N, C-alpha and C. Protein backbone atom coordinates (compact mmCIF):
# COMPACT_ATOMS: atom_id res chain seq x y z
N UNK A 1 9.44 -17.28 49.45
CA UNK A 1 9.34 -16.14 48.56
C UNK A 1 9.04 -14.90 49.39
N UNK A 2 9.73 -13.85 49.10
CA UNK A 2 9.56 -12.59 49.80
C UNK A 2 8.26 -11.92 49.33
N UNK A 3 7.48 -11.41 50.27
CA UNK A 3 6.20 -10.78 49.92
C UNK A 3 6.37 -9.51 49.10
N UNK A 4 7.46 -8.77 49.32
CA UNK A 4 7.68 -7.56 48.54
C UNK A 4 7.93 -7.90 47.07
N UNK A 5 8.61 -9.03 46.83
CA UNK A 5 8.84 -9.47 45.45
C UNK A 5 7.52 -9.84 44.79
N UNK A 6 6.66 -10.52 45.53
CA UNK A 6 5.35 -10.89 45.01
C UNK A 6 4.52 -9.64 44.71
N UNK A 7 4.55 -8.67 45.62
CA UNK A 7 3.81 -7.43 45.41
C UNK A 7 4.33 -6.69 44.18
N UNK A 8 5.63 -6.63 44.02
CA UNK A 8 6.23 -5.95 42.86
C UNK A 8 5.85 -6.64 41.56
N UNK A 9 5.88 -7.97 41.56
CA UNK A 9 5.53 -8.74 40.36
C UNK A 9 4.07 -8.51 39.98
N UNK A 10 3.18 -8.57 40.97
CA UNK A 10 1.76 -8.36 40.68
C UNK A 10 1.49 -6.93 40.24
N UNK A 11 2.22 -5.98 40.77
CA UNK A 11 2.08 -4.59 40.36
C UNK A 11 2.48 -4.42 38.89
N UNK A 12 3.55 -5.11 38.49
CA UNK A 12 3.98 -5.06 37.09
C UNK A 12 2.90 -5.61 36.17
N UNK A 13 2.26 -6.72 36.58
CA UNK A 13 1.20 -7.30 35.76
C UNK A 13 -0.02 -6.38 35.70
N UNK A 14 -0.32 -5.70 36.78
CA UNK A 14 -1.45 -4.77 36.78
C UNK A 14 -1.20 -3.61 35.84
N UNK A 15 0.02 -3.09 35.84
CA UNK A 15 0.38 -2.00 34.92
C UNK A 15 0.28 -2.48 33.47
N UNK A 16 0.82 -3.68 33.21
CA UNK A 16 0.76 -4.25 31.86
C UNK A 16 -0.69 -4.44 31.43
N UNK A 17 -1.51 -4.96 32.33
CA UNK A 17 -2.92 -5.18 32.01
C UNK A 17 -3.64 -3.89 31.67
N UNK A 18 -3.35 -2.83 32.41
CA UNK A 18 -3.97 -1.54 32.12
C UNK A 18 -3.53 -0.99 30.78
N UNK A 19 -2.25 -1.13 30.47
CA UNK A 19 -1.74 -0.62 29.20
C UNK A 19 -2.25 -1.42 28.01
N UNK A 20 -2.26 -2.74 28.12
CA UNK A 20 -2.71 -3.57 26.99
C UNK A 20 -4.22 -3.40 26.78
N UNK A 21 -4.95 -3.16 27.86
CA UNK A 21 -6.39 -2.93 27.74
C UNK A 21 -6.68 -1.69 26.91
N UNK A 22 -5.95 -0.63 27.18
CA UNK A 22 -6.11 0.61 26.41
C UNK A 22 -5.76 0.39 24.95
N UNK A 23 -4.68 -0.33 24.71
CA UNK A 23 -4.25 -0.59 23.32
C UNK A 23 -5.30 -1.43 22.58
N UNK A 24 -5.84 -2.44 23.24
CA UNK A 24 -6.82 -3.29 22.58
C UNK A 24 -8.13 -2.55 22.29
N UNK A 25 -8.48 -1.59 23.14
CA UNK A 25 -9.70 -0.82 22.90
C UNK A 25 -9.56 0.09 21.68
N UNK A 26 -8.36 0.47 21.33
CA UNK A 26 -8.14 1.37 20.20
C UNK A 26 -8.03 0.64 18.86
N UNK A 27 -8.01 -0.68 18.86
CA UNK A 27 -7.87 -1.45 17.61
C UNK A 27 -9.02 -1.18 16.64
N UNK A 28 -10.29 -1.20 17.07
CA UNK A 28 -11.37 -0.92 16.10
C UNK A 28 -11.24 0.45 15.44
N UNK A 29 -10.83 1.46 16.20
CA UNK A 29 -10.65 2.80 15.62
C UNK A 29 -9.53 2.79 14.59
N UNK A 30 -8.44 2.10 14.90
CA UNK A 30 -7.33 2.01 13.97
C UNK A 30 -7.74 1.30 12.68
N UNK A 31 -8.45 0.18 12.82
CA UNK A 31 -8.89 -0.56 11.63
C UNK A 31 -9.85 0.28 10.78
N UNK A 32 -10.73 1.02 11.42
CA UNK A 32 -11.65 1.89 10.68
C UNK A 32 -10.88 2.94 9.90
N UNK A 33 -9.86 3.52 10.51
CA UNK A 33 -9.05 4.53 9.83
C UNK A 33 -8.33 3.95 8.62
N UNK A 34 -7.78 2.76 8.78
CA UNK A 34 -7.06 2.11 7.67
C UNK A 34 -8.01 1.79 6.53
N UNK A 35 -9.17 1.21 6.86
CA UNK A 35 -10.14 0.87 5.81
C UNK A 35 -10.66 2.12 5.11
N UNK A 36 -10.89 3.16 5.85
CA UNK A 36 -11.35 4.42 5.26
C UNK A 36 -10.32 4.98 4.29
N UNK A 37 -9.05 4.89 4.66
CA UNK A 37 -7.99 5.37 3.78
C UNK A 37 -8.01 4.62 2.46
N UNK A 38 -8.10 3.29 2.52
CA UNK A 38 -8.06 2.51 1.28
C UNK A 38 -9.34 2.63 0.47
N UNK A 39 -10.48 2.88 1.13
CA UNK A 39 -11.72 3.10 0.38
C UNK A 39 -11.64 4.40 -0.42
N UNK A 40 -10.97 5.39 0.13
CA UNK A 40 -10.85 6.70 -0.52
C UNK A 40 -9.53 6.87 -1.26
N UNK A 41 -8.79 5.80 -1.46
CA UNK A 41 -7.45 5.89 -2.01
C UNK A 41 -7.44 6.52 -3.40
N UNK A 42 -8.39 6.14 -4.25
CA UNK A 42 -8.44 6.69 -5.61
C UNK A 42 -8.65 8.20 -5.59
N UNK A 43 -9.61 8.65 -4.80
CA UNK A 43 -9.88 10.09 -4.71
C UNK A 43 -8.68 10.82 -4.12
N UNK A 44 -8.06 10.24 -3.10
CA UNK A 44 -6.90 10.88 -2.49
C UNK A 44 -5.74 10.96 -3.47
N UNK A 45 -5.53 9.92 -4.26
CA UNK A 45 -4.44 9.92 -5.24
C UNK A 45 -4.70 10.95 -6.33
N UNK A 46 -5.94 11.04 -6.79
CA UNK A 46 -6.28 12.04 -7.81
C UNK A 46 -6.05 13.46 -7.29
N UNK A 47 -6.51 13.71 -6.07
CA UNK A 47 -6.33 15.04 -5.48
C UNK A 47 -4.86 15.37 -5.31
N UNK A 48 -4.09 14.40 -4.87
CA UNK A 48 -2.65 14.61 -4.70
C UNK A 48 -1.99 14.91 -6.04
N UNK A 49 -2.36 14.16 -7.08
CA UNK A 49 -1.80 14.38 -8.41
C UNK A 49 -2.13 15.75 -8.94
N UNK A 50 -3.38 16.18 -8.77
CA UNK A 50 -3.79 17.51 -9.24
C UNK A 50 -3.04 18.59 -8.50
N UNK A 51 -2.91 18.45 -7.20
CA UNK A 51 -2.21 19.46 -6.41
C UNK A 51 -0.71 19.48 -6.72
N UNK A 52 -0.17 18.32 -7.02
CA UNK A 52 1.25 18.26 -7.38
C UNK A 52 1.48 18.97 -8.72
N UNK A 53 0.57 18.77 -9.66
CA UNK A 53 0.67 19.46 -10.95
C UNK A 53 0.59 20.98 -10.76
N UNK A 54 -0.31 21.41 -9.90
CA UNK A 54 -0.47 22.85 -9.65
C UNK A 54 0.76 23.42 -8.93
N UNK A 55 1.34 22.64 -8.08
CA UNK A 55 2.50 23.08 -7.31
C UNK A 55 3.74 23.21 -8.18
N UNK A 56 3.92 22.29 -9.11
CA UNK A 56 5.15 22.30 -9.90
C UNK A 56 5.10 23.27 -11.08
N UNK A 57 3.94 23.75 -11.44
CA UNK A 57 3.87 24.64 -12.60
C UNK A 57 3.88 26.10 -12.23
């Protein structure tokens, strides 16, 4: 096996590891945003409906 091929392969894994690490760290923030949206869904829908009524009249 050529050492340059091994170096290139390991470099690809290091890049992937860095990228996936960043993505995995952002999962809790994403889940919090989604849960917050659904917790406030009723209020958001009411506000949207009121604003839509004001906009169309």
